[in-house]
Amino acid sequence: MATFPRTEPEVLRLAQAIVNGLATNATVYPAPPARAKRATQ
């Protein structure tokens, strides 16, 4: 079963991991729902 982040630092770590994954795998995710650059602002 999935475990979800419970604290703010955990949420931020998860968000950064998602952004990194989208940026690293641009060929796999050519049109993500949000741009990685915008998500880091």
N, C-alpha and C. Protein backbone atom coordinates (compact mmCIF):
# COMPACT_ATOMS: atom_id res chain seq x y z
N MET A 1 0.84 -1.18 0.00
CA MET A 1 0.00 0.00 0.00
C MET A 1 0.89 1.24 0.00
N ALA A 2 0.46 2.25 -0.69
CA ALA A 2 1.24 3.48 -0.79
C ALA A 2 1.27 4.22 0.53
N THR A 3 2.38 4.87 0.79
CA THR A 3 2.47 5.76 1.95
C THR A 3 2.65 7.18 1.44
N PHE A 4 1.88 8.06 1.94
CA PHE A 4 1.89 9.44 1.50
C PHE A 4 2.67 10.30 2.48
N PRO A 5 3.29 11.37 1.99
CA PRO A 5 4.04 12.24 2.89
C PRO A 5 3.11 12.89 3.91
N ARG A 6 3.61 13.02 5.10
CA ARG A 6 2.80 13.58 6.18
C ARG A 6 3.28 14.96 6.64
N THR A 7 4.54 15.25 6.40
CA THR A 7 5.07 16.55 6.82
C THR A 7 5.40 17.40 5.60
N GLU A 8 5.52 18.69 5.81
CA GLU A 8 5.81 19.59 4.71
C GLU A 8 7.13 19.25 4.01
N PRO A 9 8.22 18.97 4.75
CA PRO A 9 9.46 18.60 4.06
C PRO A 9 9.31 17.34 3.20
N GLU A 10 8.52 16.39 3.65
CA GLU A 10 8.28 15.18 2.86
C GLU A 10 7.51 15.50 1.58
N VAL A 11 6.55 16.39 1.67
CA VAL A 11 5.78 16.80 0.49
C VAL A 11 6.69 17.51 -0.50
N LEU A 12 7.55 18.38 -0.01
CA LEU A 12 8.47 19.10 -0.88
C LEU A 12 9.46 18.14 -1.55
N ARG A 13 9.94 17.15 -0.81
CA ARG A 13 10.84 16.15 -1.39
C ARG A 13 10.15 15.37 -2.50
N LEU A 14 8.90 14.99 -2.27
CA LEU A 14 8.14 14.27 -3.28
C LEU A 14 7.93 15.14 -4.52
N ALA A 15 7.57 16.39 -4.32
CA ALA A 15 7.37 17.30 -5.45
C ALA A 15 8.65 17.46 -6.25
N GLN A 16 9.78 17.61 -5.56
CA GLN A 16 11.05 17.75 -6.25
C GLN A 16 11.40 16.48 -7.01
N ALA A 17 11.11 15.33 -6.46
CA ALA A 17 11.36 14.06 -7.16
C ALA A 17 10.51 13.95 -8.42
N ILE A 18 9.28 14.42 -8.36
CA ILE A 18 8.40 14.40 -9.54
C ILE A 18 8.95 15.33 -10.61
N VAL A 19 9.34 16.54 -10.22
CA VAL A 19 9.90 17.50 -11.17
C VAL A 19 11.16 16.93 -11.81
N ASN A 20 12.03 16.34 -11.01
CA ASN A 20 13.27 15.76 -11.54
C ASN A 20 12.95 14.63 -12.51
N GLY A 21 11.99 13.81 -12.17
CA GLY A 21 11.61 12.71 -13.05
C GLY A 21 11.04 13.19 -14.37
N LEU A 22 10.22 14.21 -14.34
CA LEU A 22 9.66 14.77 -15.58
C LEU A 22 10.75 15.38 -16.44
N ALA A 23 11.67 16.09 -15.81
CA ALA A 23 12.75 16.74 -16.57
C ALA A 23 13.71 15.71 -17.14
N THR A 24 14.01 14.68 -16.39
CA THR A 24 14.96 13.66 -16.82
C THR A 24 14.39 12.78 -17.92
N ASN A 25 13.10 12.56 -17.90
CA ASN A 25 12.46 11.64 -18.85
C ASN A 25 11.52 12.37 -19.81
N ALA A 26 12.04 13.44 -20.42
CA ALA A 26 11.21 14.26 -21.32
C ALA A 26 10.70 13.46 -22.52
N THR A 27 11.45 12.44 -22.95
CA THR A 27 10.98 11.64 -24.08
C THR A 27 9.82 10.74 -23.67
N VAL A 28 9.81 10.32 -22.42
CA VAL A 28 8.73 9.47 -21.92
C VAL A 28 7.49 10.32 -21.62
N TYR A 29 7.72 11.52 -21.11
CA TYR A 29 6.62 12.44 -20.77
C TYR A 29 6.76 13.72 -21.61
N PRO A 30 6.43 13.66 -22.90
CA PRO A 30 6.63 14.83 -23.76
C PRO A 30 5.67 15.99 -23.45
N ALA A 31 4.53 15.69 -22.87
CA ALA A 31 3.56 16.74 -22.56
C ALA A 31 3.00 16.54 -21.15
N PRO A 32 3.84 16.78 -20.13
CA PRO A 32 3.36 16.61 -18.76
C PRO A 32 2.28 17.64 -18.43
N PRO A 33 1.48 17.38 -17.41
CA PRO A 33 0.41 18.32 -17.05
C PRO A 33 0.93 19.68 -16.58
N ALA A 34 2.17 19.73 -16.11
CA ALA A 34 2.79 20.99 -15.71
C ALA A 34 4.24 20.96 -16.15
N ARG A 35 4.76 22.07 -16.57
CA ARG A 35 6.15 22.13 -16.98
C ARG A 35 7.06 22.05 -15.75
N ALA A 36 8.14 21.34 -15.86
CA ALA A 36 9.06 21.16 -14.74
C ALA A 36 9.64 22.49 -14.28
N LYS A 37 9.98 23.37 -15.22
CA LYS A 37 10.54 24.66 -14.85
C LYS A 37 9.54 25.49 -14.06
N ARG A 38 8.29 25.45 -14.47
CA ARG A 38 7.26 26.23 -13.78
C ARG A 38 6.99 25.69 -12.39
N ALA A 39 7.09 24.38 -12.24
CA ALA A 39 6.82 23.76 -10.95
C ALA A 39 7.86 24.11 -9.90
N THR A 40 9.04 24.52 -10.32
CA THR A 40 10.09 24.86 -9.36
C THR A 40 10.05 26.33 -8.95
N GLN A 41 9.16 27.09 -9.53
CA GLN A 41 9.09 28.53 -9.20
C GLN A 41 8.37 28.76 -7.91
